[in-house]
Amino acid sequence: MKYGEITHFSHPHHKLRFEYAEVPFKCDGCKEAGIGSRFKCGLCDFDLHKHCALAAPSSILRHPFYPKCAFYLLPRAPGAAPRFCNACERDVAGLVYHCHSCGFDLHPCCAALPHVLDAGGDDGGGQLRLFLHRKVAAPCHRCGRKGRSWSYRSACKRYNLHVACVMEILVDSWHEIYYGSGGGGKRGLVGINGMNRIPSIKGVGKSHHRAGKGKVKRCCELAAMAVQFIISAVLGDPTAIIAGVVGSFISR
């Protein structure tokens, strides 16, 4: 087998090759949005997030938020009832980590979310460091609600963003290019320099904090920076390159 090629149980007839492209895609494993690093079939229109492609079906995943749970990788969640990811609250439509004893579900990319993100400079010229929490008793910077889903909160405790809200920002923009004027499905996708580039990510400028105009502007700038890094982490490619690409889609 060539370097960078794998076989995957969800696509057994063809090999998948690792590639990096600034072209959005829909993962055929978990059915969620993707950009950047992926494993792609050169013969079919089949793509997998890196985390979905490299997840081992025989392994047991342990997560510090659920110390008593044993998560098993399944092609789809068991049962006929609708299920949702406990990290981002989005529907589980494909590949999932499932705990049989408690019924919790995690998308592979959500299960791999880093617990610490360094998201750029703060007001003092240092790092805006974000920590992943299962629940935070503070309002989200975007929706103003508390305790909705997993959250990233800054060390200074001024910025709190639900993973669910960040996913909504991302998916709203993804839908414009997937189901909007660009055509349905993957055929409507082109490179970021093409006519149908991903539109600006909406909602980042919203703030539920009362402050002067200058402080609100700075607050929104830092929140947008935090969103950019959380998105790159959710997509399974938390690198400076992909964060920059995603950042270019964000309206400030």
Protein backbone atom coordinates (compact mmCIF):
# COMPACT_ATOMS: atom_id res chain seq x y z
CA MET A 1 0.00 0.00 0.00
CA LYS A 2 1.29 3.46 -0.86
CA TYR A 3 2.12 6.01 1.82
CA GLY A 4 -0.96 8.00 2.77
CA GLU A 5 -3.39 5.34 1.55
CA ILE A 6 -5.80 3.41 3.76
CA THR A 7 -8.68 0.98 3.43
CA HIS A 8 -11.84 1.72 5.40
CA PHE A 9 -14.69 -0.57 6.39
CA SER A 10 -17.26 1.97 5.13
CA HIS A 11 -15.75 1.93 1.61
CA PRO A 12 -14.08 -1.49 1.29
CA HIS A 13 -13.74 -1.76 -2.50
CA HIS A 14 -11.39 1.19 -3.08
CA LYS A 15 -8.41 2.67 -1.27
CA LEU A 16 -8.62 6.17 0.19
CA ARG A 17 -5.73 8.58 -0.18
CA PHE A 18 -4.85 11.39 2.20
CA GLU A 19 -4.96 14.87 0.71
CA TYR A 20 -5.29 18.50 1.72
CA ALA A 21 -7.57 20.80 -0.26
CA GLU A 22 -9.23 24.14 0.41
CA VAL A 23 -12.45 22.71 -0.99
CA PRO A 24 -15.39 22.01 1.33
CA PHE A 25 -16.80 18.52 1.44
CA LYS A 26 -19.39 16.49 3.28
CA CYS A 27 -17.90 13.57 5.17
CA ASP A 28 -19.42 10.28 4.02
CA GLY A 29 -18.67 8.79 7.43
CA CYS A 30 -20.34 11.07 9.99
CA LYS A 31 -22.26 13.15 7.37
CA GLU A 32 -20.90 16.43 8.76
CA ALA A 33 -19.09 19.29 7.02
CA GLY A 34 -15.37 19.19 6.31
CA ILE A 35 -12.54 21.17 4.78
CA GLY A 36 -8.78 20.72 4.56
CA SER A 37 -7.34 17.34 5.50
CA ARG A 38 -9.34 14.33 4.34
CA PHE A 39 -9.10 10.82 2.95
CA LYS A 40 -10.59 10.71 -0.54
CA CYS A 41 -11.44 7.97 -3.02
CA GLY A 42 -9.97 8.75 -6.41
CA LEU A 43 -12.64 6.68 -8.18
CA CYS A 44 -15.78 7.71 -6.27
CA ASP A 45 -17.14 10.90 -4.81
CA PHE A 46 -16.32 9.63 -1.31
CA ASP A 47 -14.61 11.63 1.44
CA LEU A 48 -13.83 11.08 5.10
CA HIS A 49 -12.66 13.40 7.84
CA LYS A 50 -9.24 12.41 9.10
CA HIS A 51 -10.72 11.44 12.48
CA CYS A 52 -13.47 9.37 10.83
CA ALA A 53 -10.99 7.64 8.52
CA LEU A 54 -8.48 6.74 11.22
CA ALA A 55 -10.96 5.68 13.91
CA ALA A 56 -10.50 1.99 14.64
CA PRO A 57 -13.79 0.02 14.79
CA SER A 58 -12.35 -2.49 17.24
CA SER A 59 -11.04 0.04 19.75
CA ILE A 60 -12.81 1.45 22.82
CA LEU A 61 -12.75 5.21 23.27
CA ARG A 62 -12.63 6.71 26.75
CA HIS A 63 -13.47 10.36 27.28
CA PRO A 64 -12.64 12.37 30.43
CA PHE A 65 -16.10 13.98 30.42
CA TYR A 66 -17.68 10.53 30.75
CA PRO A 67 -15.24 8.48 32.84
CA LYS A 68 -17.66 5.56 33.34
CA CYS A 69 -18.46 5.22 29.62
CA ALA A 70 -16.93 2.95 27.00
CA PHE A 71 -17.57 4.31 23.49
CA TYR A 72 -17.58 1.89 20.55
CA LEU A 73 -17.30 3.02 16.94
CA LEU A 74 -20.45 2.11 15.00
CA PRO A 75 -21.43 2.71 11.34
CA ARG A 76 -24.61 4.29 12.72
CA ALA A 77 -26.27 4.71 16.09
CA PRO A 78 -28.43 1.76 17.19
CA GLY A 79 -32.21 1.90 17.17
CA ALA A 80 -34.73 3.72 15.01
CA ALA A 81 -35.21 6.78 17.24
CA PRO A 82 -33.38 10.01 16.28
CA ARG A 83 -30.15 10.54 18.19
CA PHE A 84 -27.86 13.51 18.71
CA CYS A 85 -24.22 14.08 19.55
CA ASN A 86 -23.75 14.95 23.21
CA ALA A 87 -20.97 17.38 22.34
CA CYS A 88 -22.50 19.53 19.57
CA GLU A 89 -26.21 18.58 19.79
CA ARG A 90 -26.37 17.88 16.06
CA ASP A 91 -28.11 14.79 14.73
CA VAL A 92 -26.16 11.57 14.48
CA ALA A 93 -26.61 10.42 10.89
CA GLY A 94 -23.62 8.16 10.32
CA LEU A 95 -20.36 7.06 11.91
CA VAL A 96 -20.56 7.55 15.67
CA TYR A 97 -18.97 6.64 18.99
CA HIS A 98 -21.72 5.08 21.10
CA CYS A 99 -21.81 3.98 24.74
CA HIS A 100 -24.18 1.04 25.11
CA SER A 101 -24.58 1.41 28.88
CA CYS A 102 -25.57 5.09 29.04
CA GLY A 103 -26.66 5.77 25.46
CA PHE A 104 -24.34 8.72 24.87
CA ASP A 105 -23.18 9.46 21.32
CA LEU A 106 -20.23 11.43 19.97
CA HIS A 107 -19.28 12.36 16.42
CA PRO A 108 -15.67 11.22 15.81
CA CYS A 109 -14.49 14.82 15.32
CA CYS A 110 -16.30 15.94 18.49
CA ALA A 111 -14.78 13.07 20.46
CA ALA A 112 -11.35 14.29 19.36
CA LEU A 113 -11.86 17.97 20.23
CA PRO A 114 -8.74 19.31 21.97
CA HIS A 115 -9.24 20.36 25.56
CA VAL A 116 -7.07 23.46 25.15
CA LEU A 117 -6.95 25.87 22.19
CA ASP A 118 -4.59 28.83 21.84
CA ALA A 119 -6.67 31.20 19.73
CA GLY A 120 -4.50 34.28 19.30
CA GLY A 121 -3.68 37.41 21.24
CA ASP A 122 -5.70 38.86 24.09
CA ASP A 123 -5.85 42.48 25.21
CA GLY A 124 -2.52 42.12 26.94
CA GLY A 125 -0.69 40.77 23.89
CA GLY A 126 -0.66 37.20 25.14
CA GLN A 127 -2.73 34.19 24.14
CA LEU A 128 -6.50 33.87 24.20
CA ARG A 129 -6.51 30.37 25.62
CA LEU A 130 -9.77 28.41 25.40
CA PHE A 131 -10.61 25.42 27.59
CA LEU A 132 -13.20 22.78 26.69
CA HIS A 133 -15.89 22.21 29.34
CA ARG A 134 -18.79 19.78 29.43
CA LYS A 135 -21.04 22.50 30.89
CA VAL A 136 -20.47 26.14 31.77
CA ALA A 137 -22.75 28.15 34.07
CA ALA A 138 -22.17 31.32 32.02
CA PRO A 139 -23.98 32.70 28.95
CA CYS A 140 -22.67 31.82 25.50
CA HIS A 141 -21.14 34.76 23.65
CA ARG A 142 -23.38 34.05 20.64
CA CYS A 143 -26.77 32.78 21.89
CA GLY A 144 -26.80 34.14 25.44
CA ARG A 145 -27.94 30.81 26.89
CA LYS A 146 -26.26 28.74 29.59
CA GLY A 147 -25.31 25.07 29.73
CA ARG A 148 -26.56 24.13 26.28
CA SER A 149 -23.73 21.84 25.13
CA TRP A 150 -20.00 21.45 25.45
CA SER A 151 -18.38 24.86 25.52
CA TYR A 152 -15.03 26.50 24.98
CA ARG A 153 -14.38 29.14 27.64
CA SER A 154 -11.42 31.49 27.76
CA ALA A 155 -9.02 31.46 30.69
CA CYS A 156 -10.05 35.05 31.46
CA LYS A 157 -13.70 33.83 31.59
CA ARG A 158 -14.90 36.67 29.36
CA TYR A 159 -15.57 34.48 26.31
CA ASN A 160 -17.73 31.41 26.24
CA LEU A 161 -18.91 29.67 23.07
CA HIS A 162 -21.08 26.58 22.82
CA VAL A 163 -19.74 23.96 20.42
CA ALA A 164 -23.37 23.68 19.25
CA CYS A 165 -23.48 27.40 18.36
CA VAL A 166 -20.21 27.23 16.46
CA MET A 167 -21.53 24.25 14.52
CA GLU A 168 -24.69 26.20 13.66
CA ILE A 169 -22.60 29.08 12.34
CA LEU A 170 -20.59 26.68 10.20
CA VAL A 171 -23.51 24.60 8.93
CA ASP A 172 -25.65 27.64 8.06
CA SER A 173 -22.93 28.78 5.69
CA TRP A 174 -22.31 25.24 4.41
CA HIS A 175 -25.97 24.92 3.46
CA GLU A 176 -25.81 28.02 1.29
CA ILE A 177 -23.22 26.40 -0.92
CA TYR A 178 -24.56 22.84 -0.67
CA TYR A 179 -28.21 23.56 -1.31
CA GLY A 180 -28.22 27.13 -2.61
CA SER A 181 -27.46 28.54 -6.03
CA GLY A 182 -24.37 26.35 -6.38
CA GLY A 183 -26.54 23.26 -6.86
CA GLY A 184 -27.33 20.35 -4.62
CA GLY A 185 -24.85 17.92 -3.16
CA LYS A 186 -21.14 17.86 -3.77
CA ARG A 187 -21.47 18.90 -7.39
CA GLY A 188 -22.12 22.46 -6.27
CA LEU A 189 -18.76 22.75 -4.48
CA VAL A 190 -15.75 24.51 -5.94
CA GLY A 191 -12.52 25.92 -4.59
CA ILE A 192 -12.47 28.97 -2.33
CA ASN A 193 -11.32 31.11 -5.23
CA GLY A 194 -14.24 30.03 -7.44
CA MET A 195 -17.58 31.64 -8.06
CA ASN A 196 -19.32 29.60 -5.35
CA ARG A 197 -16.82 30.06 -2.53
CA ILE A 198 -18.11 29.51 0.99
CA PRO A 199 -20.09 32.61 2.07
CA SER A 200 -19.18 34.60 5.16
CA ILE A 201 -20.00 32.76 8.35
CA LYS A 202 -22.99 34.44 9.93
CA GLY A 203 -23.65 35.36 13.52
CA VAL A 204 -20.10 35.93 14.69
CA GLY A 205 -20.67 39.63 15.25
CA LYS A 206 -23.49 39.04 17.72
CA SER A 207 -22.69 39.84 21.32
CA HIS A 208 -24.88 39.63 24.40
CA HIS A 209 -22.41 41.63 26.50
CA ARG A 210 -23.23 45.25 27.32
CA ALA A 211 -20.24 47.54 26.87
CA GLY A 212 -19.05 50.61 25.02
CA LYS A 213 -18.70 50.54 21.23
CA GLY A 214 -14.93 50.06 21.36
CA LYS A 215 -15.16 47.24 23.85
CA VAL A 216 -17.94 45.56 21.91
CA LYS A 217 -15.88 45.72 18.72
CA ARG A 218 -12.83 44.24 20.45
CA CYS A 219 -15.00 41.63 22.15
CA CYS A 220 -16.52 40.59 18.82
CA GLU A 221 -13.09 40.46 17.16
CA LEU A 222 -11.80 38.09 19.83
CA ALA A 223 -14.99 36.05 19.71
CA ALA A 224 -14.60 35.72 15.93
CA MET A 225 -11.01 34.59 16.44
CA ALA A 226 -12.20 32.01 18.96
CA VAL A 227 -14.89 30.79 16.54
CA GLN A 228 -12.29 30.38 13.81
CA PHE A 229 -10.14 28.10 15.95
CA ILE A 230 -13.07 26.12 17.33
CA ILE A 231 -14.32 25.50 13.78
CA SER A 232 -10.90 24.25 12.72
CA ALA A 233 -10.90 21.90 15.73
CA VAL A 234 -14.44 20.65 15.04
CA LEU A 235 -13.46 19.91 11.44
CA GLY A 236 -10.64 17.73 12.72
CA ASP A 237 -7.84 19.89 11.36
CA PRO A 238 -6.71 22.25 14.15
CA THR A 239 -3.73 23.75 12.34
CA ALA A 240 -2.70 27.33 11.72
CA ILE A 241 -3.23 26.85 7.97
CA ILE A 242 -6.81 25.64 8.17
CA ALA A 243 -7.62 28.20 10.88
CA GLY A 244 -6.48 30.91 8.48
CA VAL A 245 -8.59 29.50 5.65
CA VAL A 246 -11.66 29.27 7.87
CA GLY A 247 -10.93 32.73 9.26
CA SER A 248 -11.13 34.21 5.77
CA PHE A 249 -14.79 33.09 5.64
CA ILE A 250 -15.78 34.85 8.85
CA SER A 251 -17.50 38.26 8.69
CA ARG A 252 -16.22 40.57 11.39
